[in-house]
C-alpha atoms as a PDB file:
ATOM      1  CA  MET A   1      24.994  11.521  10.780  1.00  0.00           C
ATOM      2  CA  ALA A   2      22.036  10.892   8.431  1.00  0.00           C
ATOM      3  CA  PRO A   3      18.544  11.581   9.773  1.00  0.00           C
ATOM      4  CA  ARG A   4      16.593   8.581  11.000  1.00  0.00           C
ATOM      5  CA  SER A   5      14.116   7.290   8.435  1.00  0.00           C
ATOM      6  CA  ARG A   6      10.502   7.486   9.470  1.00  0.00           C
ATOM      7  CA  PHE A   7       9.852   4.030   8.057  1.00  0.00           C
ATOM      8  CA  ASP A   8      12.654   2.282   9.890  1.00  0.00           C
ATOM      9  CA  ARG A   9      12.722  -1.012  11.772  1.00  0.00           C
ATOM     10  CA  ALA A  10      11.076   0.544  14.874  1.00  0.00           C
ATOM     11  CA  TYR A  11       8.120   1.772  12.806  1.00  0.00           C
ATOM     12  CA  TYR A  12       7.431  -1.707  11.401  1.00  0.00           C
ATOM     13  CA  GLU A  13       7.945  -3.378  14.760  1.00  0.00           C
ATOM     14  CA  ARG A  14       5.319  -1.116  16.332  1.00  0.00           C
ATOM     15  CA  HIS A  15       2.701  -1.015  13.568  1.00  0.00           C
ATOM     16  CA  TYR A  16       3.093  -4.469  11.998  1.00  0.00           C
ATOM     17  CA  ARG A  17       4.889  -6.946  14.245  1.00  0.00           C
ATOM     18  CA  ASP A  18       3.991  -6.149  17.882  1.00  0.00           C
ATOM     19  CA  LEU A  19       0.836  -8.113  18.756  1.00  0.00           C
ATOM     20  CA  ARG A  20      -0.359  -5.302  21.049  1.00  0.00           C
ATOM     21  CA  THR A  21       0.055  -2.404  18.634  1.00  0.00           C
ATOM     22  CA  ARG A  22      -0.058  -3.733  15.081  1.00  0.00           C
ATOM     23  CA  VAL A  23      -2.608  -2.126  12.811  1.00  0.00           C
ATOM     24  CA  ALA A  24      -2.843  -4.972  10.300  1.00  0.00           C
ATOM     25  CA  THR A  25      -2.107  -8.652  10.179  1.00  0.00           C
ATOM     26  CA  SER A  26      -1.440 -11.094   7.413  1.00  0.00           C
ATOM     27  CA  ALA A  27      -4.907 -12.539   8.122  1.00  0.00           C
ATOM     28  CA  SER A  28      -6.677  -9.174   7.812  1.00  0.00           C
ATOM     29  CA  VAL A  29      -4.947  -8.453   4.495  1.00  0.00           C
ATOM     30  CA  ARG A  30      -5.761 -12.000   3.343  1.00  0.00           C
ATOM     31  CA  ARG A  31      -9.490 -11.390   3.998  1.00  0.00           C
ATOM     32  CA  LEU A  32      -9.367  -8.074   2.171  1.00  0.00           C
ATOM     33  CA  GLY A  33      -7.371  -9.642  -0.664  1.00  0.00           C
ATOM     34  CA  ASP A  34      -9.880 -12.492  -0.967  1.00  0.00           C
ATOM     35  CA  PHE A  35     -12.602  -9.874  -1.479  1.00  0.00           C
ATOM     36  CA  VAL A  36     -10.544  -7.914  -4.050  1.00  0.00           C
ATOM     37  CA  ALA A  37      -9.642 -11.098  -5.954  1.00  0.00           C
ATOM     38  CA  ALA A  38     -13.269 -12.259  -5.983  1.00  0.00           C
ATOM     39  CA  TYR A  39     -14.354  -8.887  -7.346  1.00  0.00           C
ATOM     40  CA  LEU A  40     -11.687  -8.983 -10.053  1.00  0.00           C
ATOM     41  CA  ARG A  41     -12.884 -12.457 -11.060  1.00  0.00           C
ATOM     42  CA  TYR A  42     -16.453 -11.123 -11.148  1.00  0.00           C
ATOM     43  CA  LEU A  43     -15.306  -8.309 -13.452  1.00  0.00           C
ATOM     44  CA  GLU A  44     -13.371 -10.866 -15.539  1.00  0.00           C
ATOM     45  CA  GLN A  45     -10.267  -8.727 -15.076  1.00  0.00           C
ATOM     46  CA  PRO A  46      -7.179 -10.751 -16.018  1.00  0.00           C
ATOM     47  CA  VAL A  47      -4.276 -10.341 -13.608  1.00  0.00           C
ATOM     48  CA  THR A  48      -0.849 -11.203 -14.974  1.00  0.00           C
ATOM     49  CA  THR A  49       1.093  -8.265 -13.500  1.00  0.00           C
ATOM     50  CA  VAL A  50       0.752  -6.620 -10.091  1.00  0.00           C
ATOM     51  CA  LEU A  51       2.381  -3.489  -8.664  1.00  0.00           C
ATOM     52  CA  ASP A  52       2.090  -3.036  -4.904  1.00  0.00           C
ATOM     53  CA  PHE A  53       3.006   0.516  -3.857  1.00  0.00           C
ATOM     54  CA  GLY A  54       3.984   0.648  -0.189  1.00  0.00           C
ATOM     55  CA  CYS A  55       4.192  -3.139  -0.047  1.00  0.00           C
ATOM     56  CA  GLY A  56       5.492  -3.150   3.526  1.00  0.00           C
ATOM     57  CA  LEU A  57       5.957  -6.662   4.874  1.00  0.00           C
ATOM     58  CA  GLY A  58       4.542  -8.236   1.704  1.00  0.00           C
ATOM     59  CA  HIS A  59       1.122  -9.344   2.928  1.00  0.00           C
ATOM     60  CA  TRP A  60      -0.407  -8.636  -0.485  1.00  0.00           C
ATOM     61  CA  GLN A  61       2.272 -10.720  -2.205  1.00  0.00           C
ATOM     62  CA  ARG A  62       0.920 -13.824  -0.456  1.00  0.00           C
ATOM     63  CA  VAL A  63      -2.621 -12.936  -1.564  1.00  0.00           C
ATOM     64  CA  VAL A  64      -1.487 -12.478  -5.157  1.00  0.00           C
ATOM     65  CA  ARG A  65       0.396 -15.793  -5.152  1.00  0.00           C
ATOM     66  CA  ARG A  66      -2.692 -17.620  -3.885  1.00  0.00           C
ATOM     67  CA  HIS A  67      -5.246 -16.070  -6.234  1.00  0.00           C
ATOM     68  CA  PHE A  68      -3.102 -15.302  -9.279  1.00  0.00           C
ATOM     69  CA  PRO A  69      -0.220 -17.815  -9.106  1.00  0.00           C
ATOM     70  CA  ARG A  70       1.121 -16.942 -12.557  1.00  0.00           C
ATOM     71  CA  ALA A  71       1.069 -13.180 -12.005  1.00  0.00           C
ATOM     72  CA  ARG A  72       4.326 -11.247 -11.782  1.00  0.00           C
ATOM     73  CA  TYR A  73       4.339  -9.304  -8.507  1.00  0.00           C
ATOM     74  CA  THR A  74       6.494  -6.216  -7.947  1.00  0.00           C
ATOM     75  CA  GLY A  75       6.657  -4.688  -4.482  1.00  0.00           C
ATOM     76  CA  ILE A  76       7.548  -0.986  -4.462  1.00  0.00           C
ATOM     77  CA  GLU A  77       8.639   0.429  -1.107  1.00  0.00           C
ATOM     78  CA  VAL A  78      10.066   3.749   0.109  1.00  0.00           C
ATOM     79  CA  SER A  79      11.596   2.189   3.243  1.00  0.00           C
ATOM     80  CA  ALA A  80      15.286   1.433   2.809  1.00  0.00           C
ATOM     81  CA  TYR A  81      14.985  -0.909   5.793  1.00  0.00           C
ATOM     82  CA  LEU A  82      12.301  -3.072   4.138  1.00  0.00           C
ATOM     83  CA  CYS A  83      13.975  -3.012   0.737  1.00  0.00           C
ATOM     84  CA  GLY A  84      17.089  -4.402   2.357  1.00  0.00           C
ATOM     85  CA  ALA A  85      15.205  -6.949   4.450  1.00  0.00           C
ATOM     86  CA  TYR A  86      12.784  -8.186   1.770  1.00  0.00           C
ATOM     87  CA  GLY A  87      14.363  -7.229  -1.539  1.00  0.00           C
ATOM     88  CA  TRP A  88      11.587  -4.870  -2.629  1.00  0.00           C
ATOM     89  CA  THR A  89      12.154  -2.312  -5.353  1.00  0.00           C
ATOM     90  CA  ARG A  90      12.973   1.062  -3.803  1.00  0.00           C
ATOM     91  CA  GLY A  91      10.661   3.789  -5.007  1.00  0.00           C
ATOM     92  CA  SER A  92       7.803   6.114  -4.212  1.00  0.00           C
ATOM     93  CA  VAL A  93       4.172   6.072  -5.262  1.00  0.00           C
ATOM     94  CA  VAL A  94       4.702   9.713  -6.227  1.00  0.00           C
ATOM     95  CA  ASP A  95       7.064   9.070  -9.128  1.00  0.00           C
ATOM     96  CA  TRP A  96       8.074   5.414  -9.627  1.00  0.00           C
ATOM     97  CA  ILE A  97       7.043   4.227 -13.085  1.00  0.00           C
ATOM     98  CA  ALA A  98       6.959   0.608 -14.234  1.00  0.00           C
ATOM     99  CA  PRO A  99       8.249  -0.329 -17.703  1.00  0.00           C
ATOM    100  CA  GLU A 100       4.668  -1.378 -18.525  1.00  0.00           C
ATOM    101  CA  PRO A 101       1.386  -0.605 -16.726  1.00  0.00           C
ATOM    102  CA  ALA A 102       0.085  -3.438 -14.526  1.00  0.00           C
ATOM    103  CA  ASP A 103      -3.207  -5.319 -14.549  1.00  0.00           C
ATOM    104  CA  LEU A 104      -3.605  -4.717 -10.814  1.00  0.00           C
ATOM    105  CA  VAL A 105      -2.130  -1.865  -8.806  1.00  0.00           C
ATOM    106  CA  ILE A 106      -2.357  -1.906  -5.014  1.00  0.00           C
ATOM    107  CA  CYS A 107      -1.891   1.183  -2.848  1.00  0.00           C
ATOM    108  CA  HIS A 108      -2.946   0.222   0.676  1.00  0.00           C
ATOM    109  CA  GLY A 109      -2.486   2.785   3.446  1.00  0.00           C
ATOM    110  CA  VAL A 110       0.051   5.000   1.698  1.00  0.00           C
ATOM    111  CA  LEU A 111      -1.567   8.249   0.539  1.00  0.00           C
ATOM    112  CA  GLN A 112      -2.194   9.587   4.039  1.00  0.00           C
ATOM    113  CA  TYR A 113       1.584   9.918   4.472  1.00  0.00           C
ATOM    114  CA  LEU A 114       1.739  12.439   1.619  1.00  0.00           C
ATOM    115  CA  ASP A 115       0.842  16.103   1.706  1.00  0.00           C
ATOM    116  CA  ALA A 116      -1.882  17.254  -0.703  1.00  0.00           C
ATOM    117  CA  ALA A 117       0.528  17.986  -3.571  1.00  0.00           C
ATOM    118  CA  GLY A 118       2.289  14.635  -3.140  1.00  0.00           C
ATOM    119  CA  ALA A 119      -1.022  12.770  -2.973  1.00  0.00           C
ATOM    120  CA  HIS A 120      -2.181  14.492  -6.152  1.00  0.00           C
ATOM    121  CA  ARG A 121       1.033  13.464  -7.953  1.00  0.00           C
ATOM    122  CA  ALA A 122       0.679   9.939  -6.554  1.00  0.00           C
ATOM    123  CA  LEU A 123      -2.856   9.583  -7.908  1.00  0.00           C
ATOM    124  CA  ARG A 124      -1.692  10.625 -11.374  1.00  0.00           C
ATOM    125  CA  ASN A 125       1.193   8.179 -11.079  1.00  0.00           C
ATOM    126  CA  LEU A 126      -1.100   5.342  -9.992  1.00  0.00           C
ATOM    127  CA  ALA A 127      -3.228   5.960 -13.081  1.00  0.00           C
ATOM    128  CA  ARG A 128      -0.096   5.970 -15.269  1.00  0.00           C
ATOM    129  CA  ASN A 129       0.998   2.600 -13.813  1.00  0.00           C
ATOM    130  CA  CYS A 130      -2.410   0.902 -14.101  1.00  0.00           C
ATOM    131  CA  ARG A 131      -4.026  -0.674 -17.150  1.00  0.00           C
ATOM    132  CA  GLY A 132      -6.669  -2.691 -15.323  1.00  0.00           C
ATOM    133  CA  ALA A 133      -7.756  -2.403 -11.690  1.00  0.00           C
ATOM    134  CA  LEU A 134      -6.593  -0.233  -8.822  1.00  0.00           C
ATOM    135  CA  PHE A 135      -7.115  -1.077  -5.155  1.00  0.00           C
ATOM    136  CA  LEU A 136      -6.697   2.168  -3.217  1.00  0.00           C
ATOM    137  CA  GLU A 137      -7.154   2.633   0.530  1.00  0.00           C
ATOM    138  CA  ALA A 138      -6.188   5.670   2.593  1.00  0.00           C
ATOM    139  CA  LEU A 139      -6.877   6.794   6.138  1.00  0.00           C
ATOM    140  CA  THR A 140      -9.155   9.835   6.174  1.00  0.00           C
ATOM    141  CA  ARG A 141      -9.960  12.382   8.867  1.00  0.00           C
ATOM    142  CA  GLU A 142     -13.359  10.714   9.348  1.00  0.00           C
ATOM    143  CA  ASP A 143     -11.664   7.321   9.796  1.00  0.00           C
ATOM    144  CA  TRP A 144      -9.294   8.824  12.370  1.00  0.00           C
ATOM    145  CA  GLU A 145     -12.101  10.517  14.287  1.00  0.00           C
ATOM    146  CA  HIS A 146     -14.690   7.727  14.195  1.00  0.00           C
ATOM    147  CA  ASN A 147     -13.426   4.361  12.942  1.00  0.00           C
ATOM    148  CA  CYS A 148      -9.848   3.430  13.739  1.00  0.00           C
ATOM    149  CA  ASP A 149      -8.108   2.279  16.882  1.00  0.00           C
ATOM    150  CA  ARG A 150      -5.872   5.255  17.715  1.00  0.00           C
ATOM    151  CA  ALA A 151      -3.641   3.115  19.935  1.00  0.00           C
ATOM    152  CA  ARG A 152      -2.650   1.104  16.851  1.00  0.00           C
ATOM    153  CA  THR A 153      -3.067   3.436  13.888  1.00  0.00           C
ATOM    154  CA  ASP A 154      -0.261   5.814  12.991  1.00  0.00           C
ATOM    155  CA  GLY A 155      -1.725   9.290  13.454  1.00  0.00           C
ATOM    156  CA  ASN A 156       1.422  11.034  12.249  1.00  0.00           C
ATOM    157  CA  VAL A 157      -0.164  11.560   8.826  1.00  0.00           C
ATOM    158  CA  TYR A 158      -1.899  14.240   6.759  1.00  0.00           C
ATOM    159  CA  LEU A 159      -5.582  14.106   7.688  1.00  0.00           C
ATOM    160  CA  ARG A 160      -6.718  17.539   6.613  1.00  0.00           C
ATOM    161  CA  PRO A 161      -9.148  17.615   3.690  1.00  0.00           C
ATOM    162  CA  ALA A 162      -7.275  17.594   0.430  1.00  0.00           C
ATOM    163  CA  ALA A 163      -8.304  18.289  -3.159  1.00  0.00           C
ATOM    164  CA  TRP A 164      -7.562  14.690  -4.173  1.00  0.00           C
ATOM    165  CA  TYR A 165     -10.046  13.209  -1.687  1.00  0.00           C
ATOM    166  CA  ARG A 166     -13.730  13.276  -2.570  1.00  0.00           C
END
């Protein structure tokens, strides 16, 4: 019998769908996305292609459609469950490479699941896939200790200081 995937249906039910334990909502990502889109407009950064690494339930896809309706969005996801349910492209932020770099690359809440070596490779890969702007967010030890709701946030991550985090 194959080992159970960490990012299976139960994981997404707990952290994204259950009203009592979800860490993010479509509305919270929409607010964050509104800010990112406004900043990109301020920078006059054109957005015609978007790569979303760790796209999860696709909250960023809705943001992209609203702010950049002509942009081509590609959701990259390591979870076989979500790829089957939503049709995302199966791949990892560590080594998946697009045919062409994107104008906007999103990596929201992914790096903390990688050990230091994997995170370092992922950062190089994000740079390789990006020709414009990168939105990068990762849970840090300081966040875990002082800022996040531990009842909702997945603490089964790498929080030790790593060379990639400054």
